[in-house]
């Protein structure tokens, strides 16, 4: 079970620039390391992050093996209207996690 923590201002004003912080639990194995027996450890990373605001994409990021485990990703957007922010992480080994957060714009 994947755990994600998302921080969004609870009641931003219309037109205000807001900071959104996301943290998702994931081991992020690069595929370059070997285990104790010399066998390569298979790559297992999150490859893409997408955020939509009321269905419109506002942020997209591609991740590569150099990113750390449990990646923290921060970005900004303008609070235009109340609705839903939806966050989707996808990656190797059919990894997919989606989470939605309501936003109430004053």
N, C-alpha and C. Protein backbone atom coordinates (compact mmCIF):
# COMPACT_ATOMS: atom_id res chain seq x y z
N UNK A 1 0.85 -1.18 0.00
CA UNK A 1 0.00 0.00 0.00
C UNK A 1 0.89 1.23 0.00
N UNK A 2 0.68 2.09 -0.95
CA UNK A 2 1.46 3.32 -1.05
C UNK A 2 0.83 4.40 -0.19
N UNK A 3 1.69 5.17 0.44
CA UNK A 3 1.23 6.28 1.27
C UNK A 3 1.67 7.58 0.64
N UNK A 4 0.74 8.52 0.48
CA UNK A 4 1.06 9.84 -0.05
C UNK A 4 0.57 10.89 0.93
N UNK A 5 1.36 11.95 1.07
CA UNK A 5 1.00 13.08 1.91
C UNK A 5 0.98 14.31 1.01
N UNK A 6 -0.14 15.03 1.02
CA UNK A 6 -0.28 16.21 0.18
C UNK A 6 -0.67 17.39 1.06
N UNK A 7 0.03 18.51 0.86
CA UNK A 7 -0.26 19.73 1.60
C UNK A 7 -0.72 20.80 0.63
N UNK A 8 -1.95 21.28 0.84
CA UNK A 8 -2.55 22.33 0.03
C UNK A 8 -3.13 23.35 1.00
N UNK A 9 -2.98 24.66 0.75
CA UNK A 9 -3.60 25.64 1.65
C UNK A 9 -5.11 25.38 1.75
N UNK A 10 -5.68 25.42 2.97
CA UNK A 10 -7.08 25.03 3.14
C UNK A 10 -8.10 25.97 2.48
N UNK A 11 -7.88 27.27 2.55
CA UNK A 11 -8.84 28.23 2.00
C UNK A 11 -8.12 29.39 1.31
N UNK A 12 -7.52 29.14 0.15
CA UNK A 12 -6.82 30.23 -0.54
C UNK A 12 -7.81 31.23 -1.15
N UNK A 13 -7.33 32.43 -1.40
CA UNK A 13 -8.16 33.45 -2.05
C UNK A 13 -8.05 33.30 -3.56
N UNK A 14 -9.11 33.68 -4.25
CA UNK A 14 -9.11 33.63 -5.72
C UNK A 14 -7.97 34.48 -6.26
N UNK A 15 -7.17 33.92 -7.16
CA UNK A 15 -6.03 34.62 -7.75
C UNK A 15 -4.73 34.49 -6.97
N UNK A 16 -4.78 33.89 -5.79
CA UNK A 16 -3.59 33.73 -4.96
C UNK A 16 -2.71 32.60 -5.51
N UNK A 17 -1.40 32.83 -5.52
CA UNK A 17 -0.45 31.77 -5.88
C UNK A 17 -0.29 30.87 -4.65
N UNK A 18 -0.53 29.59 -4.83
CA UNK A 18 -0.45 28.65 -3.71
C UNK A 18 0.65 27.63 -3.96
N UNK A 19 1.24 27.17 -2.86
CA UNK A 19 2.27 26.13 -2.94
C UNK A 19 1.63 24.79 -2.60
N UNK A 20 1.90 23.80 -3.43
CA UNK A 20 1.40 22.45 -3.22
C UNK A 20 2.60 21.54 -3.01
N UNK A 21 2.56 20.74 -1.93
CA UNK A 21 3.66 19.83 -1.62
C UNK A 21 3.13 18.41 -1.61
N UNK A 22 3.85 17.53 -2.29
CA UNK A 22 3.47 16.12 -2.31
C UNK A 22 4.65 15.26 -1.89
N UNK A 23 4.35 14.23 -1.14
CA UNK A 23 5.37 13.26 -0.74
C UNK A 23 4.74 11.89 -0.90
N UNK A 24 5.40 11.01 -1.62
CA UNK A 24 4.87 9.66 -1.82
C UNK A 24 5.91 8.64 -1.38
N UNK A 25 5.44 7.62 -0.68
CA UNK A 25 6.34 6.57 -0.21
C UNK A 25 6.67 5.59 -1.33
N UNK A 26 7.94 5.48 -1.66
CA UNK A 26 8.37 4.56 -2.71
C UNK A 26 9.87 4.31 -2.55
N UNK A 27 10.37 3.07 -2.72
CA UNK A 27 11.79 2.78 -2.49
C UNK A 27 12.73 3.37 -3.53
N UNK A 28 12.28 3.58 -4.78
CA UNK A 28 13.08 4.19 -5.84
C UNK A 28 14.44 3.50 -6.02
N UNK A 29 14.42 2.26 -6.44
CA UNK A 29 15.65 1.50 -6.72
C UNK A 29 16.13 1.82 -8.13
N UNK A 30 17.38 2.24 -8.28
CA UNK A 30 17.91 2.72 -9.57
C UNK A 30 18.15 1.64 -10.61
N UNK A 31 18.41 0.42 -10.18
CA UNK A 31 18.75 -0.65 -11.12
C UNK A 31 20.25 -0.77 -11.33
N UNK A 32 21.03 0.10 -10.71
CA UNK A 32 22.48 0.08 -10.86
C UNK A 32 23.18 -0.67 -9.73
N UNK A 33 22.47 -0.95 -8.64
CA UNK A 33 23.09 -1.62 -7.50
C UNK A 33 22.97 -3.13 -7.61
N UNK A 34 23.77 -3.85 -6.79
CA UNK A 34 23.74 -5.31 -6.74
C UNK A 34 23.47 -5.75 -5.31
N UNK A 35 22.86 -6.92 -5.18
CA UNK A 35 22.59 -7.44 -3.84
C UNK A 35 23.85 -8.11 -3.28
N UNK A 36 23.74 -8.76 -2.12
CA UNK A 36 24.89 -9.39 -1.46
C UNK A 36 25.49 -10.55 -2.25
N UNK A 37 24.74 -11.06 -3.21
CA UNK A 37 25.23 -12.18 -4.02
C UNK A 37 25.71 -11.73 -5.39
N UNK A 38 25.76 -10.43 -5.63
CA UNK A 38 26.24 -9.90 -6.89
C UNK A 38 25.21 -9.81 -7.99
N UNK A 39 23.96 -10.16 -7.67
CA UNK A 39 22.89 -10.06 -8.67
C UNK A 39 22.39 -8.63 -8.75
N UNK A 40 22.13 -8.12 -9.96
CA UNK A 40 21.60 -6.76 -10.06
C UNK A 40 20.20 -6.66 -9.45
N UNK A 41 19.97 -5.58 -8.72
CA UNK A 41 18.64 -5.30 -8.17
C UNK A 41 17.85 -4.59 -9.27
N UNK A 42 16.69 -5.11 -9.66
CA UNK A 42 15.94 -4.51 -10.76
C UNK A 42 15.51 -3.07 -10.48
N UNK A 43 15.47 -2.28 -11.53
CA UNK A 43 15.03 -0.89 -11.42
C UNK A 43 13.57 -0.85 -10.98
N UNK A 44 13.26 0.07 -10.08
CA UNK A 44 11.89 0.25 -9.59
C UNK A 44 11.75 1.71 -9.17
N UNK A 45 11.37 2.55 -10.13
CA UNK A 45 11.25 3.98 -9.83
C UNK A 45 9.88 4.50 -10.26
N UNK A 46 9.50 5.64 -9.70
CA UNK A 46 8.35 6.40 -10.20
C UNK A 46 8.86 7.14 -11.42
N UNK A 47 8.16 7.03 -12.52
CA UNK A 47 8.64 7.66 -13.75
C UNK A 47 7.88 8.93 -14.10
N UNK A 48 6.67 9.09 -13.60
CA UNK A 48 5.89 10.28 -13.98
C UNK A 48 4.96 10.71 -12.85
N UNK A 49 4.83 12.03 -12.70
CA UNK A 49 3.88 12.64 -11.77
C UNK A 49 3.03 13.62 -12.57
N UNK A 50 1.72 13.57 -12.36
CA UNK A 50 0.79 14.49 -13.03
C UNK A 50 -0.20 15.01 -12.00
N UNK A 51 -0.47 16.33 -12.06
CA UNK A 51 -1.49 16.93 -11.21
C UNK A 51 -2.50 17.65 -12.09
N UNK A 52 -3.79 17.41 -11.83
CA UNK A 52 -4.85 18.12 -12.55
C UNK A 52 -5.67 18.93 -11.55
N UNK A 53 -6.17 20.07 -12.02
CA UNK A 53 -7.00 20.97 -11.22
C UNK A 53 -8.33 21.06 -11.95
N UNK A 54 -9.37 20.45 -11.39
CA UNK A 54 -10.68 20.35 -12.02
C UNK A 54 -10.57 19.78 -13.44
N UNK A 55 -9.74 18.78 -13.60
CA UNK A 55 -9.60 18.09 -14.87
C UNK A 55 -8.57 18.67 -15.83
N UNK A 56 -8.06 19.87 -15.56
CA UNK A 56 -7.05 20.48 -16.42
C UNK A 56 -5.66 20.22 -15.84
N UNK A 57 -4.75 19.72 -16.67
CA UNK A 57 -3.40 19.43 -16.20
C UNK A 57 -2.67 20.73 -15.87
N UNK A 58 -2.13 20.80 -14.64
CA UNK A 58 -1.40 22.00 -14.23
C UNK A 58 0.08 21.71 -13.97
N UNK A 59 0.44 20.44 -13.79
CA UNK A 59 1.83 20.11 -13.53
C UNK A 59 2.10 18.68 -13.99
N UNK A 60 3.25 18.50 -14.64
CA UNK A 60 3.70 17.17 -15.07
C UNK A 60 5.20 17.12 -14.86
N UNK A 61 5.68 16.00 -14.34
CA UNK A 61 7.13 15.83 -14.14
C UNK A 61 7.52 14.40 -14.47
N UNK A 62 8.64 14.24 -15.16
CA UNK A 62 9.21 12.93 -15.43
C UNK A 62 10.37 12.73 -14.46
N UNK A 63 10.40 11.56 -13.81
CA UNK A 63 11.45 11.25 -12.86
C UNK A 63 12.41 10.23 -13.46
N UNK A 64 13.65 10.26 -13.00
CA UNK A 64 14.71 9.40 -13.50
C UNK A 64 15.41 8.74 -12.32
N UNK A 65 16.29 7.75 -12.55
CA UNK A 65 16.88 6.99 -11.45
C UNK A 65 17.59 7.81 -10.37
N UNK A 66 18.01 9.00 -10.66
CA UNK A 66 18.75 9.78 -9.66
C UNK A 66 17.87 10.36 -8.56
N UNK A 67 16.56 10.29 -8.68
CA UNK A 67 15.68 10.85 -7.65
C UNK A 67 15.69 9.96 -6.40
N UNK A 68 15.51 10.57 -5.25
CA UNK A 68 15.62 9.84 -3.99
C UNK A 68 14.37 9.01 -3.69
N UNK A 69 14.51 8.13 -2.73
CA UNK A 69 13.36 7.37 -2.24
C UNK A 69 12.39 8.34 -1.58
N UNK A 70 11.12 8.00 -1.58
CA UNK A 70 10.07 8.83 -0.99
C UNK A 70 10.15 10.27 -1.48
N UNK A 71 10.02 10.48 -2.79
CA UNK A 71 10.25 11.81 -3.34
C UNK A 71 9.25 12.86 -2.87
N UNK A 72 9.80 14.01 -2.49
CA UNK A 72 9.03 15.20 -2.15
C UNK A 72 9.05 16.09 -3.37
N UNK A 73 7.88 16.51 -3.83
CA UNK A 73 7.77 17.35 -5.02
C UNK A 73 6.90 18.55 -4.66
N UNK A 74 7.42 19.75 -4.91
CA UNK A 74 6.72 20.99 -4.59
C UNK A 74 6.57 21.83 -5.85
N UNK A 75 5.39 22.42 -6.03
CA UNK A 75 5.14 23.30 -7.16
C UNK A 75 4.08 24.32 -6.77
N UNK A 76 3.89 25.33 -7.62
CA UNK A 76 2.90 26.36 -7.34
C UNK A 76 1.88 26.43 -8.47
N UNK A 77 0.72 26.97 -8.14
CA UNK A 77 -0.33 27.24 -9.12
C UNK A 77 -1.15 28.40 -8.59
N UNK A 78 -2.06 28.89 -9.41
CA UNK A 78 -2.95 29.98 -9.02
C UNK A 78 -4.30 29.37 -8.66
N UNK A 79 -4.82 29.76 -7.49
CA UNK A 79 -6.14 29.29 -7.06
C UNK A 79 -7.20 30.07 -7.85
N UNK A 80 -7.90 29.38 -8.75
CA UNK A 80 -8.87 30.06 -9.60
C UNK A 80 -10.31 29.79 -9.18
N UNK A 81 -10.58 28.56 -8.73
CA UNK A 81 -11.94 28.20 -8.33
C UNK A 81 -11.89 26.99 -7.41
N UNK A 82 -12.96 26.80 -6.67
CA UNK A 82 -13.07 25.62 -5.81
C UNK A 82 -13.20 24.39 -6.68
N UNK A 83 -12.75 23.27 -6.16
CA UNK A 83 -12.83 22.03 -6.93
C UNK A 83 -11.95 20.96 -6.35
N UNK A 84 -11.32 20.20 -7.26
CA UNK A 84 -10.51 19.05 -6.86
C UNK A 84 -9.16 19.07 -7.54
N UNK A 85 -8.13 18.80 -6.75
CA UNK A 85 -6.79 18.55 -7.27
C UNK A 85 -6.60 17.05 -7.27
N UNK A 86 -6.21 16.49 -8.41
CA UNK A 86 -5.97 15.05 -8.49
C UNK A 86 -4.50 14.81 -8.82
N UNK A 87 -3.86 13.94 -8.05
CA UNK A 87 -2.44 13.65 -8.18
C UNK A 87 -2.27 12.20 -8.60
N UNK A 88 -1.44 11.96 -9.62
CA UNK A 88 -1.20 10.60 -10.10
C UNK A 88 0.30 10.37 -10.25
N UNK A 89 0.77 9.29 -9.65
CA UNK A 89 2.15 8.85 -9.78
C UNK A 89 2.13 7.52 -10.52
N UNK A 90 2.97 7.35 -11.53
CA UNK A 90 3.09 6.08 -12.24
C UNK A 90 4.56 5.70 -12.34
N UNK A 91 4.81 4.40 -12.49
CA UNK A 91 6.21 3.99 -12.55
C UNK A 91 6.39 2.56 -13.01
N UNK A 92 7.59 2.06 -12.74
CA UNK A 92 7.97 0.70 -13.12
C UNK A 92 7.11 -0.32 -12.38
N UNK A 93 7.08 -1.54 -12.92
CA UNK A 93 6.39 -2.67 -12.29
C UNK A 93 4.90 -2.38 -12.08
N UNK A 94 4.29 -1.68 -13.03
CA UNK A 94 2.86 -1.34 -12.99
C UNK A 94 2.47 -0.50 -11.77
N UNK A 95 3.41 0.27 -11.23
CA UNK A 95 3.11 1.13 -10.10
C UNK A 95 2.19 2.26 -10.55
N UNK A 96 1.11 2.47 -9.82
CA UNK A 96 0.21 3.59 -10.07
C UNK A 96 -0.48 3.94 -8.76
N UNK A 97 -0.49 5.23 -8.44
CA UNK A 97 -1.17 5.69 -7.24
C UNK A 97 -1.83 7.02 -7.56
N UNK A 98 -3.11 7.15 -7.21
CA UNK A 98 -3.85 8.38 -7.45
C UNK A 98 -4.49 8.82 -6.15
N UNK A 99 -4.48 10.14 -5.94
CA UNK A 99 -5.08 10.72 -4.75
C UNK A 99 -5.71 12.05 -5.12
N UNK A 100 -6.88 12.34 -4.54
CA UNK A 100 -7.56 13.59 -4.80
C UNK A 100 -7.68 14.40 -3.52
N UNK A 101 -7.61 15.72 -3.67
CA UNK A 101 -7.73 16.62 -2.52
C UNK A 101 -8.67 17.76 -2.93
N UNK A 102 -9.69 18.05 -2.11
CA UNK A 102 -10.55 19.19 -2.45
C UNK A 102 -9.86 20.51 -2.13
N UNK A 103 -10.22 21.54 -2.87
CA UNK A 103 -9.69 22.87 -2.61
C UNK A 103 -10.88 23.83 -2.60
N UNK A 104 -10.99 24.65 -1.55
CA UNK A 104 -12.10 25.59 -1.40
C UNK A 104 -11.56 27.01 -1.53
N UNK A 105 -11.79 27.62 -2.68
CA UNK A 105 -11.28 28.97 -2.95
C UNK A 105 -12.30 29.99 -2.44
N UNK A 106 -11.80 30.98 -1.71
CA UNK A 106 -12.69 32.02 -1.16
C UNK A 106 -12.77 33.21 -2.08
